[in-house]
Amino acid sequence: MEETWHGYVGVQRRGVIALPAELRQRLHLDEPGAQVEITERGDGVLELRPALPVPADQAWFWTEHWQNREREVDEHVTSGRVTVHASTDDFLAHVDAVADGTG
């Protein structure tokens, strides 16, 4: 069953509203750069949608560990420590050779 929330939040004098902590955490709105998209419908309903700078299903790519590995690859490319293969067959032969210790 999909989690949902229903309740009331106060509107402060300057128009500020505070979303409950459990909702912010579940929707990743407690992450840096998170925003909420707001749409006013013709029937008077306000729709709020979480808007993350990076989609939640892609956040793994921006973790410190993954970014360190990306920098390592960039260093290999910059220093010329790469192998270019003319075809998929050449590439697969190279992978097999590395796997069996002969490459």
N, C-alpha and C. Protein backbone atom coordinates (compact mmCIF):
# COMPACT_ATOMS: atom_id res chain seq x y z
N MET A 1 0.83 -1.18 0.00
CA MET A 1 0.00 0.00 0.00
C MET A 1 0.88 1.24 0.00
N GLU A 2 0.55 2.20 -0.81
CA GLU A 2 1.30 3.44 -0.94
C GLU A 2 1.11 4.31 0.29
N GLU A 3 2.23 4.86 0.82
CA GLU A 3 2.13 5.75 1.97
C GLU A 3 1.54 7.08 1.55
N THR A 4 0.64 7.59 2.34
CA THR A 4 0.08 8.91 2.10
C THR A 4 0.01 9.65 3.42
N TRP A 5 -0.18 10.95 3.33
CA TRP A 5 -0.28 11.78 4.52
C TRP A 5 -1.44 12.73 4.35
N HIS A 6 -2.17 12.94 5.40
CA HIS A 6 -3.23 13.95 5.40
C HIS A 6 -3.19 14.65 6.75
N GLY A 7 -3.25 15.94 6.71
CA GLY A 7 -3.24 16.70 7.94
C GLY A 7 -3.25 18.18 7.63
N TYR A 8 -3.01 18.95 8.65
CA TYR A 8 -3.01 20.40 8.50
C TYR A 8 -1.66 20.96 8.93
N VAL A 9 -1.22 22.01 8.23
CA VAL A 9 -0.03 22.74 8.63
C VAL A 9 -0.41 24.21 8.70
N GLY A 10 0.21 24.90 9.63
CA GLY A 10 -0.07 26.32 9.78
C GLY A 10 0.65 27.15 8.73
N VAL A 11 0.07 28.27 8.40
CA VAL A 11 0.71 29.22 7.49
C VAL A 11 1.17 30.38 8.35
N GLN A 12 2.47 30.60 8.39
CA GLN A 12 3.02 31.69 9.19
C GLN A 12 2.79 33.03 8.49
N ARG A 13 3.03 34.09 9.21
CA ARG A 13 2.73 35.44 8.74
C ARG A 13 3.30 35.73 7.34
N ARG A 14 4.52 35.32 7.05
CA ARG A 14 5.15 35.60 5.75
C ARG A 14 4.83 34.54 4.70
N GLY A 15 3.86 33.67 4.98
CA GLY A 15 3.46 32.65 4.02
C GLY A 15 4.26 31.37 4.12
N VAL A 16 5.06 31.22 5.15
CA VAL A 16 5.89 30.04 5.32
C VAL A 16 5.06 28.91 5.91
N ILE A 17 5.22 27.72 5.33
CA ILE A 17 4.61 26.52 5.91
C ILE A 17 5.73 25.53 6.19
N ALA A 18 5.56 24.73 7.22
CA ALA A 18 6.55 23.71 7.57
C ALA A 18 5.92 22.34 7.35
N LEU A 19 6.55 21.54 6.52
CA LEU A 19 6.08 20.18 6.29
C LEU A 19 6.55 19.29 7.44
N PRO A 20 5.75 18.32 7.85
CA PRO A 20 6.16 17.41 8.92
C PRO A 20 7.45 16.67 8.55
N ALA A 21 8.29 16.43 9.56
CA ALA A 21 9.59 15.79 9.35
C ALA A 21 9.48 14.45 8.63
N GLU A 22 8.51 13.61 9.03
CA GLU A 22 8.37 12.29 8.39
C GLU A 22 8.10 12.42 6.90
N LEU A 23 7.33 13.42 6.51
CA LEU A 23 7.02 13.65 5.11
C LEU A 23 8.24 14.17 4.36
N ARG A 24 8.95 15.11 4.96
CA ARG A 24 10.18 15.64 4.33
C ARG A 24 11.19 14.52 4.11
N GLN A 25 11.36 13.66 5.09
CA GLN A 25 12.34 12.58 4.96
C GLN A 25 11.92 11.57 3.89
N ARG A 26 10.67 11.15 3.93
CA ARG A 26 10.20 10.14 2.97
C ARG A 26 10.28 10.63 1.54
N LEU A 27 10.04 11.94 1.33
CA LEU A 27 10.06 12.51 -0.02
C LEU A 27 11.40 13.14 -0.38
N HIS A 28 12.39 12.94 0.50
CA HIS A 28 13.75 13.45 0.29
C HIS A 28 13.79 14.97 0.22
N LEU A 29 12.84 15.63 0.86
CA LEU A 29 12.82 17.09 0.86
C LEU A 29 13.73 17.66 1.94
N ASP A 30 14.40 16.79 2.70
CA ASP A 30 15.37 17.24 3.69
C ASP A 30 16.78 17.28 3.10
N GLU A 31 16.89 17.01 1.80
CA GLU A 31 18.19 17.01 1.13
C GLU A 31 18.50 18.41 0.59
N PRO A 32 19.79 18.76 0.51
CA PRO A 32 20.16 20.09 0.01
C PRO A 32 19.61 20.33 -1.40
N GLY A 33 19.09 21.50 -1.61
CA GLY A 33 18.59 21.88 -2.92
C GLY A 33 17.17 21.46 -3.23
N ALA A 34 16.55 20.72 -2.31
CA ALA A 34 15.18 20.25 -2.55
C ALA A 34 14.23 21.44 -2.61
N GLN A 35 13.25 21.35 -3.48
CA GLN A 35 12.23 22.37 -3.62
C GLN A 35 10.86 21.70 -3.71
N VAL A 36 9.82 22.51 -3.60
CA VAL A 36 8.46 22.02 -3.76
C VAL A 36 7.83 22.82 -4.90
N GLU A 37 7.33 22.10 -5.89
CA GLU A 37 6.59 22.74 -6.99
C GLU A 37 5.15 22.92 -6.52
N ILE A 38 4.59 24.09 -6.78
CA ILE A 38 3.21 24.35 -6.38
C ILE A 38 2.40 24.74 -7.60
N THR A 39 1.23 24.14 -7.73
CA THR A 39 0.32 24.43 -8.83
C THR A 39 -1.04 24.78 -8.24
N GLU A 40 -1.58 25.92 -8.66
CA GLU A 40 -2.93 26.29 -8.25
C GLU A 40 -3.88 25.84 -9.34
N ARG A 41 -4.81 24.97 -8.98
CA ARG A 41 -5.79 24.48 -9.94
C ARG A 41 -6.99 25.42 -9.98
N GLY A 42 -7.74 25.35 -11.05
CA GLY A 42 -8.92 26.18 -11.23
C GLY A 42 -9.99 25.96 -10.17
N ASP A 43 -9.98 24.75 -9.55
CA ASP A 43 -10.99 24.46 -8.53
C ASP A 43 -10.55 24.88 -7.13
N GLY A 44 -9.42 25.64 -7.04
CA GLY A 44 -8.96 26.14 -5.75
C GLY A 44 -8.03 25.21 -5.00
N VAL A 45 -7.74 24.05 -5.56
CA VAL A 45 -6.84 23.10 -4.91
C VAL A 45 -5.39 23.51 -5.20
N LEU A 46 -4.55 23.48 -4.17
CA LEU A 46 -3.12 23.69 -4.34
C LEU A 46 -2.45 22.33 -4.35
N GLU A 47 -1.71 22.03 -5.43
CA GLU A 47 -0.98 20.77 -5.52
C GLU A 47 0.49 21.06 -5.22
N LEU A 48 1.07 20.27 -4.33
CA LEU A 48 2.49 20.38 -4.00
C LEU A 48 3.19 19.12 -4.48
N ARG A 49 4.30 19.28 -5.19
CA ARG A 49 5.07 18.13 -5.68
C ARG A 49 6.53 18.32 -5.28
N PRO A 50 7.15 17.27 -4.72
CA PRO A 50 8.57 17.39 -4.41
C PRO A 50 9.37 17.56 -5.69
N ALA A 51 10.33 18.44 -5.66
CA ALA A 51 11.19 18.67 -6.82
C ALA A 51 12.63 18.61 -6.33
N LEU A 52 13.31 17.55 -6.69
CA LEU A 52 14.69 17.36 -6.25
C LEU A 52 15.63 17.74 -7.37
N PRO A 53 16.78 18.34 -7.04
CA PRO A 53 17.73 18.68 -8.08
C PRO A 53 18.25 17.45 -8.82
N VAL A 54 18.28 16.32 -8.13
CA VAL A 54 18.68 15.04 -8.72
C VAL A 54 17.56 14.06 -8.40
N PRO A 55 17.00 13.39 -9.40
CA PRO A 55 15.95 12.41 -9.09
C PRO A 55 16.44 11.37 -8.08
N ALA A 56 15.60 11.01 -7.15
CA ALA A 56 15.97 10.11 -6.06
C ALA A 56 16.56 8.79 -6.57
N ASP A 57 16.06 8.27 -7.70
CA ASP A 57 16.58 7.00 -8.21
C ASP A 57 17.94 7.15 -8.87
N GLN A 58 18.45 8.38 -8.99
CA GLN A 58 19.79 8.61 -9.54
C GLN A 58 20.75 9.17 -8.51
N ALA A 59 20.30 9.29 -7.27
CA ALA A 59 21.13 9.90 -6.22
C ALA A 59 22.41 9.10 -5.96
N TRP A 60 22.39 7.79 -6.19
CA TRP A 60 23.58 6.96 -5.96
C TRP A 60 24.77 7.49 -6.74
N PHE A 61 24.52 8.03 -7.95
CA PHE A 61 25.61 8.50 -8.80
C PHE A 61 26.34 9.67 -8.15
N TRP A 62 25.65 10.44 -7.34
CA TRP A 62 26.22 11.65 -6.75
C TRP A 62 26.77 11.43 -5.35
N THR A 63 26.81 10.16 -4.90
CA THR A 63 27.42 9.90 -3.59
C THR A 63 28.92 10.13 -3.69
N GLU A 64 29.53 10.44 -2.56
CA GLU A 64 30.98 10.72 -2.53
C GLU A 64 31.77 9.53 -3.07
N HIS A 65 31.39 8.30 -2.69
CA HIS A 65 32.09 7.10 -3.17
C HIS A 65 32.07 7.03 -4.70
N TRP A 66 30.88 7.19 -5.29
CA TRP A 66 30.77 7.06 -6.74
C TRP A 66 31.53 8.18 -7.44
N GLN A 67 31.45 9.39 -6.91
CA GLN A 67 32.15 10.51 -7.53
C GLN A 67 33.66 10.34 -7.44
N ASN A 68 34.17 9.73 -6.36
CA ASN A 68 35.60 9.43 -6.27
C ASN A 68 36.00 8.46 -7.37
N ARG A 69 35.18 7.46 -7.62
CA ARG A 69 35.47 6.49 -8.69
C ARG A 69 35.43 7.17 -10.07
N GLU A 70 34.49 8.10 -10.26
CA GLU A 70 34.42 8.84 -11.52
C GLU A 70 35.70 9.65 -11.74
N ARG A 71 36.20 10.28 -10.66
CA ARG A 71 37.45 11.05 -10.76
C ARG A 71 38.63 10.14 -11.11
N GLU A 72 38.65 8.92 -10.55
CA GLU A 72 39.71 7.96 -10.89
C GLU A 72 39.69 7.65 -12.39
N VAL A 73 38.51 7.42 -12.92
CA VAL A 73 38.38 7.13 -14.35
C VAL A 73 38.88 8.32 -15.17
N ASP A 74 38.47 9.52 -14.76
CA ASP A 74 38.93 10.73 -15.48
C ASP A 74 40.45 10.83 -15.48
N GLU A 75 41.08 10.48 -14.35
CA GLU A 75 42.55 10.51 -14.28
C GLU A 75 43.16 9.49 -15.24
N HIS A 76 42.57 8.31 -15.32
CA HIS A 76 43.07 7.28 -16.25
C HIS A 76 42.96 7.78 -17.69
N VAL A 77 41.85 8.37 -18.03
CA VAL A 77 41.64 8.86 -19.40
C VAL A 77 42.63 9.97 -19.70
N THR A 78 42.77 10.92 -18.78
CA THR A 78 43.67 12.06 -18.99
C THR A 78 45.12 11.61 -19.17
N SER A 79 45.52 10.60 -18.41
CA SER A 79 46.91 10.14 -18.48
C SER A 79 47.13 9.11 -19.59
N GLY A 80 46.08 8.75 -20.32
CA GLY A 80 46.23 7.81 -21.43
C GLY A 80 46.24 6.36 -21.01
N ARG A 81 45.88 6.06 -19.77
CA ARG A 81 45.85 4.67 -19.30
C ARG A 81 44.51 4.03 -19.65
N VAL A 82 44.21 3.97 -20.93
CA VAL A 82 42.98 3.37 -21.43
C VAL A 82 43.31 2.51 -22.64
N THR A 83 42.41 1.61 -22.96
CA THR A 83 42.57 0.79 -24.16
C THR A 83 41.35 1.00 -25.03
N VAL A 84 41.59 1.30 -26.29
CA VAL A 84 40.49 1.49 -27.24
C VAL A 84 40.41 0.24 -28.10
N HIS A 85 39.23 -0.30 -28.24
CA HIS A 85 39.02 -1.52 -29.02
C HIS A 85 38.31 -1.19 -30.31
N ALA A 86 38.73 -1.84 -31.38
CA ALA A 86 38.17 -1.58 -32.71
C ALA A 86 36.77 -2.18 -32.87
N SER A 87 36.47 -3.18 -32.07
CA SER A 87 35.16 -3.83 -32.22
C SER A 87 34.72 -4.41 -30.89
N THR A 88 33.48 -4.80 -30.85
CA THR A 88 32.94 -5.44 -29.65
C THR A 88 33.66 -6.76 -29.39
N ASP A 89 33.96 -7.50 -30.47
CA ASP A 89 34.67 -8.78 -30.30
C ASP A 89 36.04 -8.58 -29.68
N ASP A 90 36.76 -7.54 -30.13
CA ASP A 90 38.08 -7.24 -29.54
C ASP A 90 37.94 -6.91 -28.06
N PHE A 91 36.92 -6.12 -27.73
CA PHE A 91 36.69 -5.75 -26.34
C PHE A 91 36.40 -6.99 -25.50
N LEU A 92 35.50 -7.85 -25.97
CA LEU A 92 35.15 -9.05 -25.21
C LEU A 92 36.34 -9.99 -25.06
N ALA A 93 37.17 -10.08 -26.08
CA ALA A 93 38.38 -10.91 -25.98
C ALA A 93 39.31 -10.34 -24.90
N HIS A 94 39.41 -9.02 -24.84
CA HIS A 94 40.24 -8.37 -23.82
C HIS A 94 39.67 -8.65 -22.42
N VAL A 95 38.36 -8.55 -22.27
CA VAL A 95 37.73 -8.81 -20.97
C VAL A 95 38.00 -10.26 -20.55
N ASP A 96 37.88 -11.20 -21.48
CA ASP A 96 38.15 -12.60 -21.18
C ASP A 96 39.59 -12.79 -20.76
N ALA A 97 40.53 -12.14 -21.46
CA ALA A 97 41.95 -12.27 -21.14
C ALA A 97 42.24 -11.71 -19.74
N VAL A 98 41.62 -10.59 -19.41
CA VAL A 98 41.83 -10.02 -18.07
C VAL A 98 41.25 -10.96 -17.02
N ALA A 99 40.08 -11.51 -17.30
CA ALA A 99 39.41 -12.41 -16.35
C ALA A 99 40.23 -13.67 -16.08
N ASP A 100 40.89 -14.23 -17.12
CA ASP A 100 41.65 -15.45 -16.91
C ASP A 100 43.13 -15.19 -16.60
N GLY A 101 43.48 -13.92 -16.45
CA GLY A 101 44.84 -13.57 -16.01
C GLY A 101 45.88 -13.51 -17.11
N THR A 102 45.47 -13.61 -18.38
CA THR A 102 46.46 -13.57 -19.45
C THR A 102 46.52 -12.20 -20.11
N GLY A 103 45.66 -11.26 -19.69
CA GLY A 103 45.61 -9.96 -20.36
C GLY A 103 45.96 -8.79 -19.51
